N, C-alpha and C. Protein backbone atom coordinates (compact mmCIF):
# COMPACT_ATOMS: atom_id res chain seq x y z
N MET A 1 -31.91 59.51 12.07
CA MET A 1 -30.48 59.22 11.93
C MET A 1 -29.39 60.91 10.99
N SER A 2 -28.49 61.04 11.60
CA SER A 2 -27.71 62.00 11.39
C SER A 2 -27.02 61.78 9.81
N THR A 3 -26.39 62.96 9.71
CA THR A 3 -25.76 63.24 7.95
C THR A 3 -24.13 62.36 8.58
N LEU A 4 -23.96 61.58 7.94
CA LEU A 4 -22.93 60.55 7.94
C LEU A 4 -21.87 61.98 7.22
N PHE A 5 -22.18 62.48 6.17
CA PHE A 5 -21.25 63.52 5.63
C PHE A 5 -21.95 64.77 4.18
N THR A 6 -21.53 65.64 3.94
CA THR A 6 -22.31 66.34 3.09
C THR A 6 -21.33 66.47 2.23
N THR A 7 -21.34 66.99 0.62
CA THR A 7 -20.17 66.70 -0.40
C THR A 7 -21.19 68.81 -0.77
N PRO A 8 -20.38 68.96 -1.34
CA PRO A 8 -21.32 70.28 -2.16
C PRO A 8 -22.40 70.22 -2.59
N ARG A 9 -23.01 69.37 -3.36
CA ARG A 9 -24.65 69.17 -4.09
C ARG A 9 -25.31 68.16 -2.89
N LEU A 10 -24.33 67.32 -1.99
CA LEU A 10 -25.52 66.17 -1.54
C LEU A 10 -25.24 65.78 0.23
N ARG A 11 -26.24 66.07 1.09
CA ARG A 11 -26.03 65.06 2.24
C ARG A 11 -26.71 63.61 2.17
N VAL A 12 -25.45 62.76 3.00
CA VAL A 12 -25.69 61.28 2.89
C VAL A 12 -25.93 60.90 4.50
N ARG A 13 -27.21 60.47 4.38
CA ARG A 13 -27.43 59.87 5.29
C ARG A 13 -28.34 58.67 5.31
N GLY A 14 -28.26 57.99 7.47
CA GLY A 14 -28.85 56.92 6.79
C GLY A 14 -30.39 56.78 6.81
N TRP A 15 -30.87 55.87 6.04
CA TRP A 15 -31.96 55.78 5.87
C TRP A 15 -33.29 55.92 6.97
N ARG A 16 -34.15 56.28 6.82
CA ARG A 16 -35.66 55.94 7.69
C ARG A 16 -36.36 55.08 7.31
N GLU A 17 -37.21 55.93 8.53
CA GLU A 17 -38.46 54.83 8.16
C GLU A 17 -39.65 55.67 7.26
N GLU A 18 -39.59 56.50 7.10
CA GLU A 18 -40.41 57.69 6.47
C GLU A 18 -39.83 57.78 5.19
N ASP A 19 -38.65 57.91 4.77
CA ASP A 19 -37.96 57.07 3.74
C ASP A 19 -38.86 56.12 2.38
N LEU A 20 -38.98 55.53 3.55
CA LEU A 20 -39.46 54.18 2.31
C LEU A 20 -40.50 54.53 1.17
N PRO A 21 -40.84 55.67 0.48
CA PRO A 21 -41.78 55.71 -0.43
C PRO A 21 -41.14 55.74 -1.82
N GLN A 22 -39.74 56.78 -1.36
CA GLN A 22 -38.96 57.52 -2.15
C GLN A 22 -37.88 56.25 -2.45
N LEU A 23 -37.43 55.37 -1.26
CA LEU A 23 -37.07 54.36 -1.83
C LEU A 23 -37.55 53.43 -2.67
N ALA A 24 -38.86 53.19 -2.38
CA ALA A 24 -39.66 52.72 -3.45
C ALA A 24 -39.42 52.92 -4.55
N ARG A 25 -39.39 54.51 -4.87
CA ARG A 25 -39.84 54.91 -5.93
C ARG A 25 -37.99 54.52 -6.65
N ILE A 26 -37.06 54.63 -6.32
CA ILE A 26 -35.93 54.30 -6.97
C ILE A 26 -36.08 52.72 -7.44
N LEU A 27 -36.21 51.91 -6.23
CA LEU A 27 -35.90 50.40 -6.52
C LEU A 27 -36.82 50.07 -7.38
N THR A 28 -37.68 50.51 -7.24
CA THR A 28 -39.43 49.75 -8.37
C THR A 28 -38.57 49.88 -9.74
N ASP A 29 -38.22 51.07 -9.76
CA ASP A 29 -38.21 52.10 -11.37
C ASP A 29 -36.98 50.75 -12.25
N ALA A 30 -38.07 50.43 -13.63
CA ALA A 30 -37.58 49.18 -14.14
C ALA A 30 -36.04 50.06 -14.75
N GLN A 31 -35.98 51.20 -15.32
CA GLN A 31 -35.08 51.53 -16.14
C GLN A 31 -33.59 51.97 -15.07
N THR A 32 -34.18 52.04 -13.93
CA THR A 32 -33.04 52.71 -12.84
C THR A 32 -32.20 51.25 -12.51
N MET A 33 -33.08 50.21 -12.31
CA MET A 33 -32.93 48.27 -11.83
C MET A 33 -32.53 47.73 -12.85
N SER A 34 -32.49 48.25 -14.16
CA SER A 34 -31.98 47.42 -14.98
C SER A 34 -30.70 46.73 -14.90
N HIS A 35 -29.74 46.78 -14.39
CA HIS A 35 -28.56 46.22 -14.19
C HIS A 35 -28.69 44.93 -13.02
N TRP A 36 -30.27 45.03 -12.48
CA TRP A 36 -30.60 43.76 -11.42
C TRP A 36 -31.28 43.23 -12.33
N PRO A 37 -31.31 41.71 -11.54
CA PRO A 37 -32.12 40.81 -11.57
C PRO A 37 -33.82 41.15 -12.24
N ALA A 38 -34.71 41.70 -11.58
CA ALA A 38 -35.41 42.85 -11.49
C ALA A 38 -35.33 43.66 -10.94
N PRO A 39 -36.54 44.58 -10.61
CA PRO A 39 -37.07 46.18 -10.03
C PRO A 39 -37.73 45.58 -8.46
N PHE A 40 -37.15 46.07 -7.78
CA PHE A 40 -37.86 45.05 -6.21
C PHE A 40 -39.30 45.42 -6.61
N ASP A 41 -40.09 44.52 -5.52
CA ASP A 41 -41.53 44.48 -5.28
C ASP A 41 -41.07 45.22 -3.76
N ALA A 42 -42.74 45.44 -3.30
CA ALA A 42 -42.91 46.30 -1.96
C ALA A 42 -42.05 45.33 -0.94
N ALA A 43 -41.97 43.70 -0.84
CA ALA A 43 -41.23 43.48 -0.17
C ALA A 43 -39.73 43.49 -0.37
N GLY A 44 -39.08 43.78 -1.62
CA GLY A 44 -38.27 43.73 -1.11
C GLY A 44 -37.57 44.86 -1.04
N VAL A 45 -38.59 46.21 -0.76
CA VAL A 45 -37.86 47.36 -0.60
C VAL A 45 -38.09 47.54 0.69
N ARG A 46 -39.21 46.89 1.18
CA ARG A 46 -39.31 46.61 2.81
C ARG A 46 -37.46 46.28 3.66
N GLY A 47 -37.30 45.18 3.11
CA GLY A 47 -36.63 43.96 3.39
C GLY A 47 -34.82 45.32 3.19
N TRP A 48 -34.62 45.66 1.98
CA TRP A 48 -33.65 46.67 1.20
C TRP A 48 -33.63 47.45 2.87
N LEU A 49 -34.83 48.30 3.12
CA LEU A 49 -34.55 49.63 4.03
C LEU A 49 -33.72 48.86 5.37
N ASP A 50 -35.09 47.72 5.67
CA ASP A 50 -34.43 46.93 7.14
C ASP A 50 -33.05 46.89 7.15
N ARG A 51 -32.64 45.99 5.95
CA ARG A 51 -31.14 46.21 5.94
C ARG A 51 -30.64 46.97 6.64
N ALA A 52 -31.01 47.89 5.85
CA ALA A 52 -29.78 49.39 5.62
C ALA A 52 -30.11 50.25 7.35
N ILE A 53 -31.07 50.02 7.40
CA ILE A 53 -31.17 50.82 9.05
C ILE A 53 -30.33 49.38 9.94
N ARG A 54 -30.89 48.16 10.12
CA ARG A 54 -29.55 47.23 10.88
C ARG A 54 -28.53 47.33 10.91
N HIS A 55 -27.80 47.58 9.56
CA HIS A 55 -26.67 47.10 9.47
C HIS A 55 -26.03 49.10 9.74
N MET A 56 -26.46 50.03 9.29
CA MET A 56 -26.31 51.25 10.24
C MET A 56 -25.99 51.35 11.43
N ARG A 57 -26.68 50.47 12.59
CA ARG A 57 -27.15 50.36 13.43
C ARG A 57 -25.88 49.61 14.24
N GLU A 58 -25.48 48.41 13.71
CA GLU A 58 -24.30 47.16 14.28
C GLU A 58 -23.17 47.74 13.74
N HIS A 59 -22.98 48.46 12.43
CA HIS A 59 -21.63 49.30 11.85
C HIS A 59 -21.33 50.07 11.58
N GLY A 60 -22.26 50.99 11.79
CA GLY A 60 -21.80 52.58 12.12
C GLY A 60 -21.70 53.54 10.06
N PHE A 61 -22.42 52.22 9.27
CA PHE A 61 -22.13 52.86 8.18
C PHE A 61 -23.22 51.81 7.18
N ALA A 62 -23.57 51.60 6.04
CA ALA A 62 -24.63 51.32 5.11
C ALA A 62 -24.90 51.98 4.03
N ARG A 63 -26.02 51.18 3.11
CA ARG A 63 -26.41 51.82 2.20
C ARG A 63 -26.68 53.16 2.59
N CYS A 64 -26.99 54.44 2.34
CA CYS A 64 -27.79 55.02 2.66
C CYS A 64 -28.18 56.30 1.58
N CYS A 65 -29.16 56.94 2.26
CA CYS A 65 -30.03 58.07 1.38
C CYS A 65 -29.14 59.23 0.74
N CYS A 66 -29.10 59.43 -0.27
CA CYS A 66 -28.48 60.42 -0.33
C CYS A 66 -29.28 61.56 -1.30
N GLN A 67 -29.53 62.50 -0.60
CA GLN A 67 -30.28 64.24 -1.21
C GLN A 67 -30.06 64.94 -1.36
N THR A 68 -29.81 66.14 -2.31
CA THR A 68 -29.90 67.27 -2.86
C THR A 68 -29.82 67.78 -1.08
N LEU A 69 -28.82 68.84 -1.36
CA LEU A 69 -28.69 70.02 -0.18
C LEU A 69 -29.92 71.27 -0.39
N GLU A 70 -29.42 71.23 -1.54
CA GLU A 70 -30.42 72.23 -1.77
C GLU A 70 -32.24 71.32 -2.47
N GLY A 71 -32.58 71.59 -1.72
CA GLY A 71 -34.21 71.56 -2.37
C GLY A 71 -34.84 69.95 -1.52
N GLY A 72 -33.79 69.14 -0.46
CA GLY A 72 -33.66 67.94 -0.67
C GLY A 72 -34.53 66.44 -1.19
N ARG A 73 -34.40 66.99 -2.14
CA ARG A 73 -34.45 65.90 -3.21
C ARG A 73 -33.79 64.75 -3.32
N ILE A 74 -34.57 63.26 -3.06
CA ILE A 74 -33.57 61.88 -2.69
C ILE A 74 -33.38 61.59 -3.71
N VAL A 75 -31.91 61.23 -4.03
CA VAL A 75 -31.70 61.11 -5.65
C VAL A 75 -31.36 59.69 -5.71
N GLY A 76 -31.22 59.20 -4.67
CA GLY A 76 -30.25 57.71 -4.85
C GLY A 76 -29.98 56.97 -3.28
N ASP A 77 -29.09 55.73 -3.53
CA ASP A 77 -28.96 55.17 -2.80
C ASP A 77 -27.00 55.24 -2.67
N VAL A 78 -26.39 55.02 -1.97
CA VAL A 78 -24.87 54.84 -1.98
C VAL A 78 -24.48 54.70 -0.83
N GLY A 79 -23.64 53.54 -0.51
CA GLY A 79 -23.01 53.17 0.59
C GLY A 79 -22.15 51.99 0.45
N ILE A 80 -22.16 51.49 1.47
CA ILE A 80 -21.19 50.48 2.51
C ILE A 80 -22.04 49.52 2.74
N MET A 81 -21.58 48.30 2.54
CA MET A 81 -22.59 47.01 3.42
C MET A 81 -21.10 46.47 3.12
N ARG A 82 -21.09 45.69 4.68
CA ARG A 82 -20.39 44.19 4.95
C ARG A 82 -20.76 43.49 4.44
N LEU A 83 -20.33 42.29 3.15
CA LEU A 83 -20.72 41.25 2.53
C LEU A 83 -19.72 40.53 2.18
N GLU A 84 -20.39 39.05 1.98
CA GLU A 84 -19.87 37.98 1.53
C GLU A 84 -19.18 38.24 0.19
N ILE A 85 -17.89 38.36 -0.12
CA ILE A 85 -17.90 38.37 -1.54
C ILE A 85 -17.09 37.57 -1.91
N LEU A 86 -16.92 36.85 -2.74
CA LEU A 86 -15.77 35.81 -3.31
C LEU A 86 -15.01 35.01 -2.06
N GLY A 87 -16.10 34.27 -0.89
CA GLY A 87 -15.90 34.12 0.14
C GLY A 87 -14.88 34.58 1.26
N ALA A 88 -15.53 35.82 1.05
CA ALA A 88 -14.54 36.70 2.54
C ALA A 88 -15.60 37.99 2.36
N GLN A 89 -15.12 38.37 3.80
CA GLN A 89 -16.19 39.29 3.80
C GLN A 89 -15.37 40.86 3.77
N ARG A 90 -16.51 41.59 3.12
CA ARG A 90 -15.47 42.90 2.48
C ARG A 90 -16.65 44.16 2.53
N ASN A 91 -16.05 45.21 2.64
CA ASN A 91 -16.71 46.69 2.40
C ASN A 91 -17.13 47.03 1.53
N ASP A 92 -18.44 46.45 0.78
CA ASP A 92 -18.85 46.73 -0.48
C ASP A 92 -19.51 48.07 -0.55
N LEU A 93 -18.83 49.00 -1.86
CA LEU A 93 -19.66 50.05 -1.84
C LEU A 93 -20.26 49.78 -3.28
N GLY A 94 -21.72 50.82 -2.82
CA GLY A 94 -22.55 50.72 -3.98
C GLY A 94 -23.10 51.74 -4.31
N TYR A 95 -23.87 51.66 -5.91
CA TYR A 95 -24.48 52.97 -5.83
C TYR A 95 -25.94 52.63 -6.83
N ILE A 96 -26.90 53.33 -6.26
CA ILE A 96 -28.07 53.25 -7.53
C ILE A 96 -28.79 54.42 -7.43
N ILE A 97 -28.72 55.64 -8.27
CA ILE A 97 -29.45 56.77 -8.63
C ILE A 97 -30.16 56.85 -9.39
N HIS A 98 -31.49 57.47 -9.17
CA HIS A 98 -32.89 57.24 -9.99
C HIS A 98 -32.25 57.62 -11.05
N ARG A 99 -33.17 57.13 -12.24
CA ARG A 99 -32.60 57.53 -13.55
C ARG A 99 -32.92 59.23 -14.01
N ASP A 100 -33.88 60.25 -13.15
CA ASP A 100 -33.95 60.90 -13.36
C ASP A 100 -32.87 61.59 -12.91
N TYR A 101 -31.68 61.46 -12.43
CA TYR A 101 -30.91 62.21 -11.80
C TYR A 101 -29.49 61.93 -12.65
N TRP A 102 -29.49 60.75 -13.28
CA TRP A 102 -28.06 59.75 -14.28
C TRP A 102 -27.90 61.69 -15.05
N ARG A 103 -26.25 61.20 -14.99
CA ARG A 103 -25.34 62.29 -15.68
C ARG A 103 -25.60 63.51 -15.45
N GLN A 104 -25.58 63.48 -14.23
CA GLN A 104 -25.56 64.59 -13.60
C GLN A 104 -24.21 64.98 -12.57
N GLY A 105 -23.64 63.84 -11.74
CA GLY A 105 -22.55 63.20 -11.14
C GLY A 105 -22.47 63.26 -10.36
N TYR A 106 -23.97 62.99 -9.76
CA TYR A 106 -24.42 62.38 -8.36
C TYR A 106 -23.74 61.44 -7.55
N ALA A 107 -23.60 60.49 -8.53
CA ALA A 107 -22.94 58.98 -7.93
C ALA A 107 -21.30 59.16 -7.83
N LEU A 108 -21.01 59.77 -8.35
CA LEU A 108 -19.67 59.88 -8.21
C LEU A 108 -19.35 61.12 -7.08
N GLU A 109 -19.79 62.15 -7.31
CA GLU A 109 -19.75 62.88 -5.92
C GLU A 109 -20.00 62.09 -4.30
N ALA A 110 -20.92 61.21 -4.19
CA ALA A 110 -21.42 60.54 -3.60
C ALA A 110 -20.28 59.18 -3.27
N ALA A 111 -19.74 58.82 -3.96
CA ALA A 111 -19.26 57.66 -4.14
C ALA A 111 -17.58 57.99 -3.58
N GLU A 112 -17.22 59.36 -4.14
CA GLU A 112 -15.99 59.89 -3.59
C GLU A 112 -16.14 60.56 -2.38
N GLY A 113 -17.02 60.61 -1.91
CA GLY A 113 -17.22 60.85 -0.63
C GLY A 113 -17.01 59.45 0.95
N PHE A 114 -17.67 58.53 0.06
CA PHE A 114 -17.64 57.67 0.74
C PHE A 114 -16.21 57.04 1.12
N VAL A 115 -15.66 57.12 -0.32
CA VAL A 115 -14.00 56.51 -0.19
C VAL A 115 -13.19 57.78 0.73
N GLU A 116 -13.52 59.02 0.84
CA GLU A 116 -12.63 59.48 1.83
C GLU A 116 -13.41 59.45 3.36
N TRP A 117 -14.66 58.96 3.38
CA TRP A 117 -15.85 58.49 4.71
C TRP A 117 -14.13 57.53 5.06
N ALA A 118 -14.36 56.66 4.06
CA ALA A 118 -13.73 55.13 4.73
C ALA A 118 -12.41 55.33 5.07
N ARG A 119 -11.60 56.40 4.37
CA ARG A 119 -10.38 56.23 4.94
C ARG A 119 -10.63 57.17 6.18
N ARG A 120 -10.90 58.24 6.62
CA ARG A 120 -10.75 58.60 7.55
C ARG A 120 -11.18 57.85 8.99
N ARG A 121 -11.93 56.61 8.31
CA ARG A 121 -12.39 55.61 9.10
C ARG A 121 -11.58 54.40 9.48
N GLN A 122 -10.46 54.68 8.68
CA GLN A 122 -9.60 53.55 8.61
C GLN A 122 -9.66 52.17 8.19
N LEU A 123 -10.43 52.15 6.81
CA LEU A 123 -11.40 51.20 6.71
C LEU A 123 -10.00 50.27 6.08
N ASP A 124 -9.66 49.52 5.52
CA ASP A 124 -8.83 48.46 4.54
C ASP A 124 -8.68 48.92 2.88
N GLU A 125 -10.15 48.17 2.93
CA GLU A 125 -10.46 48.24 1.20
C GLU A 125 -11.80 48.52 1.22
N LEU A 126 -11.74 48.89 -0.06
CA LEU A 126 -13.53 48.96 -0.94
C LEU A 126 -13.61 48.02 -1.63
N VAL A 127 -14.77 47.31 -2.27
CA VAL A 127 -14.55 46.28 -3.37
C VAL A 127 -15.85 47.22 -3.81
N ALA A 128 -16.09 46.80 -5.22
CA ALA A 128 -17.45 47.00 -6.24
C ALA A 128 -17.81 45.84 -6.79
N THR A 129 -18.74 45.65 -6.96
CA THR A 129 -19.31 44.72 -7.97
C THR A 129 -20.29 45.37 -8.42
N MET A 130 -20.41 44.62 -10.10
CA MET A 130 -21.26 45.30 -10.94
C MET A 130 -21.40 43.86 -12.24
N ALA A 131 -22.57 44.27 -12.61
CA ALA A 131 -22.60 43.03 -13.64
C ALA A 131 -21.83 43.82 -15.16
N VAL A 132 -21.61 42.50 -16.30
CA VAL A 132 -20.17 43.15 -16.51
C VAL A 132 -20.93 43.98 -18.12
N ASP A 133 -22.12 43.87 -17.88
CA ASP A 133 -23.28 45.01 -18.78
C ASP A 133 -23.57 45.95 -18.56
N ASN A 134 -22.79 46.20 -17.25
CA ASN A 134 -23.19 47.98 -16.52
C ASN A 134 -22.61 48.97 -16.84
N LEU A 135 -21.88 49.11 -18.12
CA LEU A 135 -21.08 50.18 -18.31
C LEU A 135 -20.87 51.12 -17.60
N PRO A 136 -21.90 52.30 -17.13
CA PRO A 136 -21.44 52.98 -16.30
C PRO A 136 -20.83 53.05 -14.94
N SER A 137 -21.38 52.16 -14.03
CA SER A 137 -21.24 52.08 -12.85
C SER A 137 -19.84 51.31 -13.08
N ALA A 138 -18.79 50.28 -13.69
CA ALA A 138 -17.82 50.26 -14.02
C ALA A 138 -16.83 50.96 -14.25
N ALA A 139 -17.05 52.24 -14.99
CA ALA A 139 -16.73 53.29 -15.22
C ALA A 139 -16.40 54.34 -14.47
N LEU A 140 -17.79 54.28 -13.41
CA LEU A 140 -17.60 54.94 -12.05
C LEU A 140 -16.37 54.28 -11.05
N ALA A 141 -16.18 53.33 -11.04
CA ALA A 141 -15.05 52.15 -10.11
C ALA A 141 -14.18 52.38 -10.67
N ARG A 142 -13.77 52.60 -12.11
CA ARG A 142 -12.87 53.01 -12.51
C ARG A 142 -11.47 54.85 -12.21
N ARG A 143 -13.08 55.53 -11.78
CA ARG A 143 -12.85 57.06 -12.08
C ARG A 143 -12.38 56.97 -10.27
N LEU A 144 -13.05 56.09 -9.47
CA LEU A 144 -12.93 56.32 -8.21
C LEU A 144 -10.75 55.69 -7.42
N GLY A 145 -10.67 55.73 -8.59
CA GLY A 145 -9.07 54.54 -8.65
C GLY A 145 -8.79 53.43 -8.13
N MET A 146 -10.44 52.91 -8.33
CA MET A 146 -10.35 50.73 -8.28
C MET A 146 -9.92 50.07 -9.43
N GLN A 147 -9.11 49.28 -9.19
CA GLN A 147 -8.57 47.87 -10.05
C GLN A 147 -9.87 47.24 -10.11
N GLN A 148 -10.10 46.48 -11.12
CA GLN A 148 -10.74 45.70 -12.19
C GLN A 148 -9.65 44.24 -11.74
N LEU A 149 -10.37 43.71 -10.92
CA LEU A 149 -9.44 41.97 -11.12
C LEU A 149 -9.74 40.81 -11.35
N GLU A 150 -11.04 40.75 -11.35
CA GLU A 150 -11.57 39.62 -12.02
C GLU A 150 -13.06 39.69 -12.61
N ASP A 151 -13.85 38.67 -13.10
CA ASP A 151 -15.27 38.43 -13.24
C ASP A 151 -15.48 37.25 -12.54
N PHE A 152 -16.48 37.05 -11.96
CA PHE A 152 -17.55 35.82 -11.62
C PHE A 152 -18.51 35.84 -11.86
N ARG A 153 -18.99 34.84 -11.34
CA ARG A 153 -20.38 34.36 -11.56
C ARG A 153 -20.95 34.40 -10.13
N ASN A 154 -22.06 35.53 -10.35
CA ASN A 154 -22.49 36.33 -9.17
C ASN A 154 -24.21 35.77 -8.57
N PRO A 155 -23.75 34.95 -8.13
CA PRO A 155 -25.20 33.94 -7.46
C PRO A 155 -25.66 35.08 -6.96
N ASN A 156 -25.72 36.48 -6.63
CA ASN A 156 -26.11 36.77 -5.45
C ASN A 156 -27.32 37.91 -7.03
N ASN A 157 -27.07 37.75 -8.01
CA ASN A 157 -27.39 38.47 -9.17
C ASN A 157 -27.45 37.70 -10.18
N GLN A 158 -28.55 36.47 -10.33
CA GLN A 158 -28.50 35.65 -11.32
C GLN A 158 -27.34 34.82 -11.50
N ASN A 159 -26.69 35.05 -11.08
CA ASN A 159 -25.11 34.36 -11.99
C ASN A 159 -24.69 35.04 -12.89
N LYS A 160 -25.06 36.03 -12.94
CA LYS A 160 -24.69 36.73 -13.84
C LYS A 160 -23.09 37.19 -13.79
N LEU A 161 -22.41 37.31 -15.00
CA LEU A 161 -20.84 37.43 -15.28
C LEU A 161 -20.79 38.94 -14.60
N THR A 162 -20.04 39.02 -13.02
CA THR A 162 -19.86 40.47 -12.29
C THR A 162 -18.36 40.69 -12.73
N HIS A 163 -18.14 41.93 -12.42
CA HIS A 163 -16.33 42.57 -12.47
C HIS A 163 -16.76 42.45 -11.09
N TYR A 164 -15.35 42.44 -10.29
CA TYR A 164 -14.98 42.52 -9.18
C TYR A 164 -13.62 43.75 -9.46
N PHE A 165 -14.00 44.57 -8.46
CA PHE A 165 -13.52 45.98 -8.39
C PHE A 165 -12.68 46.01 -6.75
N ARG A 166 -11.06 46.77 -6.60
CA ARG A 166 -11.00 46.07 -5.58
C ARG A 166 -10.02 47.76 -5.37
N LEU A 167 -10.25 48.54 -4.00
CA LEU A 167 -9.20 49.39 -3.77
C LEU A 167 -8.79 49.86 -2.43
N PRO A 168 -7.63 49.59 -2.36
CA PRO A 168 -6.64 49.28 -1.29
C PRO A 168 -6.71 50.97 -0.26
N LEU A 169 -7.13 51.37 0.58
CA LEU A 169 -7.23 52.34 1.72
C LEU A 169 -6.19 52.09 2.48
């Protein structure tokens, strides 16, 4: 899979089959996944990878592998998926950075890259959702210029109260 874009420190590209162990390291880590219903099991990681690869093939974008330019370390999963949110298909921007790389600016750098990428591709909007107790993710959405529109009970996240942010492009 070719690179979607690079930032000063990151290469953002589609996930590949051989990335499965590194993706599992991210999605099975309890601390990294603390705002999700639970860390993923092996079947959940496999499903995530398969959906990302299929979505990339069908739409030309997906949740992607974020790796450092220097050293090629995989630091997280950031990207856009077409999802049904609040009854409509949306371009959902999501970001999961492994805890070993928190507070180093990688999520912001990759998410800003996706905002610019989406503008160049003339997507009409991006949205982001996160559990209301996920303060770092909400802060990142605000730094991207997203506006918080409402909170809702998210059936995809054990009906947790969830923030809904939107950024018109």
